[in-house]
Each structure stands twice: as structure tokens, then as C-alpha cells.
Amino acid sequence: MSSCSGNCSTCGSDCADRKAESLLAAPNPKSSIKKVIAVVSGKGGVGKSTVTSMLAVAMARKGKRVGVLDADITGPSAPTAFGVTECQGATQEGLYPALTRGGIQVMSINLLLDNATDPVVWRGPVIAGAVKQFWTDVIWEDVDYMFVDMPPGTGDVPLTVFQSLPVDGIVIVTSPQDLVSMIVSKAVKMANMMHIPVLGFVENYSYLQCPDCGKKINVFGQSKLDEIAEAFNLPVLARLPIDPKVAEAYDSGLMETVDTEAMAAAVAAVEAC
């Protein structure tokens, strides 16, 4: 319209010049990020950060440049998993993330605290703003795949990430307990509401393999994930066992040494998105 003032509040909703407002945040001008994959869970304690780390390591082993954005501000653990303690530095143009031994770029609130054990006692909007700054103020150099380690649930931070970052796909992490079926459904439905494709499920703590006889023990009972996956027409990408070696590697900052063969289907799904 030739008389359009640019103020949409002054005219009707049928204005031909009205455009949908995008909430996407622009990355740092010096950043280069091709794909963004969010790793989510409906509840805490299912090993989402472990899965995020394994996906990042598996992709890096394929020769891709990888970044990990730790969006779990009140429970950050990415620096522990990769054995990093500080960022590479900062300039007037932005902050450079930490760099692991294998070249994975990592950004987490724990890299900015004086003491890693200091709690972050912030309200939701402030936490969400910090996550957004990890995208806008951090310089991510030539990242092929960025994995966003999300906090559990469907609150402020997941909403901020889904609205502010150009998320290409979501991997949902779950565990075998009955309660999880309801929680997983909430995560899938939120993704659908945000029009972001769910790539599939990774079931963690799926079983414990006896080191003596090799028998698989369902510590948390029989999994219901196949039923959920069928209901939503989504694939199960991996079933990860309870593995003390992985836990030890995580706690020691050595996640880049773990076997990621079980993540092959998940990696393929990420590459195909």
C-alpha cells in the first residue's frame, strides 16, 4: 500500500503489506554455522548431555567441524565432558568458545564463572537471554553442525532456542521408565507446535550388559519406546546401555575417547536433515 506507515497497529489485519515477524536472532557477524540440532528431553536425568557429547564426537570423527552450545544454564556440564575450563579469548567483535583437544568448539556458562561450582540463581527470562547471547555474541568459526544441549522440559529456554535459533532438527533423549512415555509425548508435541522436525529418539540407560555372561538386563524395566515411536511415526535412532566406562570418561573430560558406534543411525539422521 502506498500509504503504509510501517506501523501495523494502525491498520486492519487484512493489509496486503503485513509480513509475519521473525523472532530469529542473527548470529555473530563473524560466525558461520550450517546446521543446528537441538538435543532435548522431557525430564532431567536421562543422560541428554551424554548423548549430545557422543553426537558431537561422532560427527567430529567424520571430519566435520562441530560446536556444542550448552543451553542448560543452571546445570551446565559440557565443559566437564570435554575437559575444557576457559574460552579462547574475546575481542570487541565477540567471544571465542573453548576448543577441545579434538577441535570441538564449546560454549557454556561454566566457562564464564569464577568458580565452576557457583550456582546460577537467575530467573527464567535472564537465563533465556544468556542462551540467546551464546548465539549472537559468540564467534563460532566454520561450524558444520552445532549441537544445542537443552535443559529438560518445555519452559523458557527451550522456547527461546526454538524461536531464536534456526533449529534444523531435534533429537529426543529418553529412558525406559513408564513415566517417560508421557514426558516424551510433551516434547514431541512442543516440537510440532514450533514446526521443527523431530529426527528420532535415543534411548539411554536402555539395558545393562553383564560383563561375565553378556546377558542384557533391563534395569529400568521393559522399554515402551517402540510403542511411542510408532504412535508418532518416528524412528528409534539408538539404544545406549548403562556403561561405567562412558560415565568415567564424562567425569574425566575424556568424552572424545568413547566408542560412538552405537550412534551411527543418529548421526545419519542428523546428516540427512
Protein backbone atom coordinates (compact mmCIF):
# COMPACT_ATOMS: atom_id res chain seq x y z
CA MET A 1 0.00 0.00 0.00
CA SER A 2 1.37 3.41 -0.99
CA SER A 3 0.02 4.94 2.20
CA CYS A 4 1.57 2.34 4.52
CA SER A 5 3.22 3.97 7.52
CA GLY A 6 5.05 0.83 8.60
CA ASN A 7 3.06 0.71 11.82
CA CYS A 8 0.89 -2.40 11.58
CA SER A 9 -1.10 -1.43 14.68
CA THR A 10 -2.77 1.43 12.77
CA CYS A 11 -4.50 -0.70 10.13
CA GLY A 12 -6.52 -3.89 9.79
CA SER A 13 -5.25 -7.46 9.75
CA ASP A 14 -6.08 -7.78 6.04
CA CYS A 15 -3.35 -5.35 4.97
CA ALA A 16 -1.50 -6.80 1.95
CA ASP A 17 1.81 -5.39 3.14
CA ARG A 18 1.66 -7.09 6.53
CA LYS A 19 4.53 -9.56 6.97
CA ALA A 20 5.00 -12.23 9.62
CA GLU A 21 7.52 -11.12 12.20
CA SER A 22 10.55 -13.38 12.56
CA LEU A 23 11.91 -13.95 16.06
CA LEU A 24 15.15 -15.49 14.77
CA ALA A 25 18.26 -13.87 16.22
CA ALA A 26 21.13 -13.03 13.91
CA PRO A 27 24.33 -14.90 14.76
CA ASN A 28 27.55 -13.03 15.39
CA PRO A 29 28.65 -11.45 12.06
CA LYS A 30 31.89 -13.45 12.22
CA SER A 31 30.12 -16.78 12.85
CA SER A 32 29.50 -19.45 10.25
CA ILE A 33 27.01 -22.17 11.27
CA LYS A 34 25.43 -24.51 8.75
CA LYS A 35 23.17 -26.83 10.75
CA VAL A 36 21.69 -26.56 14.26
CA ILE A 37 20.49 -29.69 16.06
CA ALA A 38 18.78 -29.44 19.45
CA VAL A 39 19.09 -32.38 21.85
CA VAL A 40 16.11 -32.35 24.18
CA SER A 41 14.41 -34.38 26.87
CA GLY A 42 11.10 -34.02 28.60
CA LYS A 43 12.65 -34.66 32.02
CA GLY A 44 16.03 -34.48 33.67
CA GLY A 45 18.35 -37.35 34.47
CA VAL A 46 18.05 -39.27 31.21
CA GLY A 47 21.62 -38.60 30.01
CA LYS A 48 20.84 -35.89 27.46
CA SER A 49 24.25 -34.24 27.87
CA THR A 50 25.96 -37.59 27.36
CA VAL A 51 24.04 -38.09 24.11
CA THR A 52 24.88 -34.54 22.99
CA SER A 53 28.57 -35.18 23.62
CA MET A 54 28.51 -38.51 21.79
CA LEU A 55 26.77 -36.96 18.77
CA ALA A 56 29.35 -34.18 18.68
CA VAL A 57 32.27 -36.60 18.95
CA ALA A 58 30.84 -38.96 16.33
CA MET A 59 30.32 -36.12 13.88
CA ALA A 60 33.80 -34.71 14.51
CA ARG A 61 35.26 -38.14 13.74
CA LYS A 62 33.63 -37.91 10.32
CA GLY A 63 35.72 -34.84 9.63
CA LYS A 64 33.03 -32.26 10.36
CA ARG A 65 33.59 -29.06 12.27
CA VAL A 66 31.40 -29.24 15.36
CA GLY A 67 30.13 -26.86 18.03
CA VAL A 68 28.35 -27.57 21.32
CA LEU A 69 26.17 -24.82 22.80
CA ASP A 70 25.36 -25.70 26.41
CA ALA A 71 21.91 -24.17 26.89
CA ASP A 72 21.43 -25.76 30.33
CA ILE A 73 22.43 -22.63 32.23
CA THR A 74 21.57 -23.86 35.73
CA GLY A 75 23.00 -27.34 35.18
CA PRO A 76 25.90 -26.92 32.73
CA SER A 77 28.10 -29.94 32.12
CA ALA A 78 29.60 -29.67 28.63
CA PRO A 79 32.94 -28.29 29.92
CA THR A 80 33.27 -31.29 32.25
CA ALA A 81 32.57 -33.74 29.43
CA PHE A 82 35.29 -32.29 27.22
CA GLY A 83 37.80 -31.23 29.85
CA VAL A 84 37.76 -27.50 28.99
CA THR A 85 37.85 -24.73 31.57
CA GLU A 86 38.06 -21.42 29.71
CA CYS A 87 37.19 -19.72 26.44
CA GLN A 88 39.84 -18.99 23.83
CA GLY A 89 39.51 -15.27 24.38
CA ALA A 90 37.46 -12.23 23.44
CA THR A 91 37.70 -9.20 21.19
CA GLN A 92 35.42 -6.25 20.58
CA GLU A 93 33.74 -8.38 17.92
CA GLY A 94 32.77 -11.20 20.24
CA LEU A 95 33.74 -14.10 22.47
CA TYR A 96 35.55 -17.18 21.17
CA PRO A 97 34.33 -20.50 22.62
CA ALA A 98 36.54 -23.09 24.28
CA LEU A 99 38.28 -25.56 22.00
CA THR A 100 38.62 -29.23 22.91
CA ARG A 101 41.59 -31.47 22.15
CA GLY A 102 39.78 -32.75 19.08
CA GLY A 103 38.80 -29.30 17.83
CA ILE A 104 35.17 -29.18 19.03
CA GLN A 105 34.02 -25.66 19.93
CA VAL A 106 32.20 -25.47 23.27
CA MET A 107 30.31 -22.62 24.93
CA SER A 108 28.82 -22.91 28.43
CA ILE A 109 28.06 -20.62 31.33
CA ASN A 110 30.59 -22.53 33.43
CA LEU A 111 33.36 -21.19 31.20
CA LEU A 112 32.45 -17.68 32.37
CA LEU A 113 32.10 -18.24 36.13
CA ASP A 114 34.92 -17.58 38.58
CA ASN A 115 34.16 -20.91 40.22
CA ALA A 116 32.55 -23.83 38.36
CA THR A 117 30.57 -24.76 41.48
CA ASP A 118 28.97 -21.30 41.83
CA PRO A 119 25.19 -21.56 41.29
CA VAL A 120 23.45 -19.50 38.63
CA VAL A 121 20.46 -18.06 40.50
CA TRP A 122 18.64 -16.27 37.72
CA ARG A 123 15.02 -16.00 36.71
CA GLY A 124 13.80 -17.60 33.50
CA PRO A 125 13.94 -14.57 31.17
CA VAL A 126 17.54 -13.80 32.21
CA ILE A 127 18.56 -17.42 31.61
CA ALA A 128 16.87 -17.39 28.22
CA GLY A 129 18.68 -14.15 27.37
CA ALA A 130 22.05 -15.69 28.23
CA VAL A 131 21.39 -18.62 25.91
CA LYS A 132 20.48 -16.20 23.13
CA GLN A 133 23.77 -14.36 23.69
CA PHE A 134 25.66 -17.62 23.20
CA TRP A 135 24.32 -17.40 19.66
CA THR A 136 24.61 -13.66 19.00
CA ASP A 137 27.80 -12.76 20.89
CA VAL A 138 29.95 -15.87 20.48
CA ILE A 139 32.08 -16.29 17.37
CA TRP A 140 31.51 -19.81 16.05
CA GLU A 141 34.11 -20.47 13.37
CA ASP A 142 33.10 -22.58 10.36
CA VAL A 143 30.74 -24.90 12.22
CA ASP A 144 29.15 -27.62 10.09
CA TYR A 145 26.97 -28.96 12.91
CA MET A 146 26.06 -27.21 16.14
CA PHE A 147 24.51 -29.37 18.86
CA VAL A 148 22.48 -27.48 21.45
CA ASP A 149 22.36 -29.27 24.81
CA MET A 150 18.97 -28.19 26.10
CA PRO A 151 17.66 -28.11 29.67
CA PRO A 152 14.82 -30.56 30.34
CA GLY A 153 11.19 -29.64 29.92
CA THR A 154 9.27 -27.16 27.78
CA GLY A 155 9.95 -23.85 29.55
CA ASP A 156 11.63 -20.52 28.80
CA VAL A 157 14.94 -21.80 27.45
CA PRO A 158 13.58 -24.41 25.00
CA LEU A 159 11.07 -21.82 23.77
CA THR A 160 13.85 -19.24 23.32
CA VAL A 161 16.06 -21.70 21.43
CA PHE A 162 13.24 -22.86 19.15
CA GLN A 163 12.18 -19.30 18.36
CA SER A 164 15.58 -17.57 18.24
CA LEU A 165 17.86 -20.15 16.64
CA PRO A 166 17.34 -21.70 13.18
CA VAL A 167 16.97 -25.24 14.53
CA ASP A 168 17.06 -27.78 11.69
CA GLY A 169 16.07 -30.82 13.75
CA ILE A 170 15.54 -32.26 17.20
CA VAL A 171 16.82 -35.45 18.78
CA ILE A 172 14.79 -36.55 21.81
CA VAL A 173 16.56 -38.46 24.57
CA THR A 174 14.57 -40.79 26.75
CA SER A 175 14.91 -43.74 29.13
CA PRO A 176 12.86 -46.93 29.59
CA GLN A 177 10.65 -45.93 32.56
CA ASP A 178 6.87 -45.83 32.06
CA LEU A 179 6.70 -42.18 33.15
CA VAL A 180 8.83 -41.21 30.18
CA SER A 181 6.13 -42.04 27.63
CA MET A 182 4.03 -39.10 28.82
CA ILE A 183 7.02 -36.78 29.05
CA VAL A 184 8.30 -37.74 25.60
CA SER A 185 4.89 -37.03 24.12
CA LYS A 186 5.06 -33.49 25.52
CA ALA A 187 8.48 -32.93 23.90
CA VAL A 188 7.27 -34.20 20.52
CA LYS A 189 4.15 -32.06 20.65
CA MET A 190 6.16 -28.94 21.52
CA ALA A 191 8.44 -29.58 18.55
CA ASN A 192 5.39 -29.94 16.32
CA MET A 193 3.94 -26.68 17.68
CA MET A 194 7.21 -24.94 16.79
CA HIS A 195 7.26 -26.59 13.34
CA ILE A 196 10.66 -28.16 13.90
CA PRO A 197 11.20 -31.73 12.65
CA VAL A 198 11.93 -34.45 15.18
CA LEU A 199 14.69 -36.68 13.80
CA GLY A 200 14.00 -39.53 16.21
CA PHE A 201 14.61 -40.94 19.66
CA VAL A 202 17.72 -42.06 21.52
CA GLU A 203 17.01 -44.30 24.49
CA ASN A 204 19.66 -44.03 27.18
CA TYR A 205 20.13 -46.48 30.08
CA SER A 206 18.39 -48.98 27.83
CA TYR A 207 19.99 -52.01 29.46
CA LEU A 208 22.97 -53.25 31.45
CA GLN A 209 25.12 -55.91 29.84
CA CYS A 210 26.57 -58.46 32.26
CA PRO A 211 30.37 -58.40 31.91
CA ASP A 212 30.57 -62.13 32.67
CA CYS A 213 27.79 -63.80 30.63
CA GLY A 214 26.83 -60.98 28.24
CA LYS A 215 23.15 -61.09 29.18
CA LYS A 216 21.26 -57.82 28.75
CA ILE A 217 19.44 -56.79 31.94
CA ASN A 218 16.55 -54.32 31.74
CA VAL A 219 17.39 -52.40 34.89
CA PHE A 220 14.51 -49.93 34.45
CA GLY A 221 12.01 -52.47 33.17
CA GLN A 222 10.79 -53.21 29.68
CA SER A 223 11.05 -50.26 27.33
CA LYS A 224 7.87 -48.71 25.92
CA LEU A 225 9.73 -46.60 23.36
CA ASP A 226 8.77 -48.69 20.33
CA GLU A 227 5.09 -48.01 21.05
CA ILE A 228 5.71 -44.26 21.36
CA ALA A 229 7.84 -44.18 18.22
CA GLU A 230 5.14 -46.00 16.26
CA ALA A 231 2.45 -43.65 17.56
CA PHE A 232 4.36 -40.61 16.32
CA ASN A 233 5.79 -42.36 13.24
CA LEU A 234 9.35 -41.58 14.34
CA PRO A 235 12.46 -43.80 14.34
CA VAL A 236 14.41 -45.09 17.32
CA LEU A 237 17.93 -43.96 16.44
CA ALA A 238 19.89 -45.66 19.22
CA ARG A 239 19.58 -47.69 22.41
CA LEU A 240 22.51 -46.97 24.70
CA PRO A 241 23.45 -49.28 27.58
CA ILE A 242 24.43 -48.30 31.10
CA ASP A 243 28.19 -48.17 30.62
CA PRO A 244 30.53 -47.30 33.52
CA LYS A 245 33.31 -46.53 31.00
CA VAL A 246 31.25 -43.76 29.41
CA ALA A 247 30.40 -42.30 32.82
CA GLU A 248 34.07 -42.35 33.80
CA ALA A 249 35.11 -40.71 30.52
CA TYR A 250 32.48 -37.97 31.00
CA ASP A 251 33.61 -37.20 34.54
CA SER A 252 37.26 -37.16 33.43
CA GLY A 253 36.74 -34.83 30.46
CA LEU A 254 37.55 -37.61 28.01
CA MET A 255 34.32 -37.96 26.02
CA GLU A 256 36.34 -37.68 22.83
CA THR A 257 37.79 -41.13 23.59
CA VAL A 258 34.49 -43.06 23.89
CA ASP A 259 33.12 -45.54 21.36
CA THR A 260 30.33 -43.85 19.38
CA GLU A 261 29.46 -46.72 17.03
CA ALA A 262 26.00 -47.05 18.62
CA MET A 263 25.21 -43.51 17.44
CA ALA A 264 25.62 -44.33 13.73
CA ALA A 265 21.90 -44.14 12.90
CA ALA A 266 21.52 -40.92 14.87
CA VAL A 267 24.46 -39.36 13.03
CA ALA A 268 22.97 -40.44 9.69
CA ALA A 269 19.65 -38.81 10.64
CA VAL A 270 21.44 -35.56 11.50
CA GLU A 271 23.34 -35.59 8.21
CA ALA A 272 20.12 -36.17 6.27
CA CYS A 273 18.12 -33.36 7.86
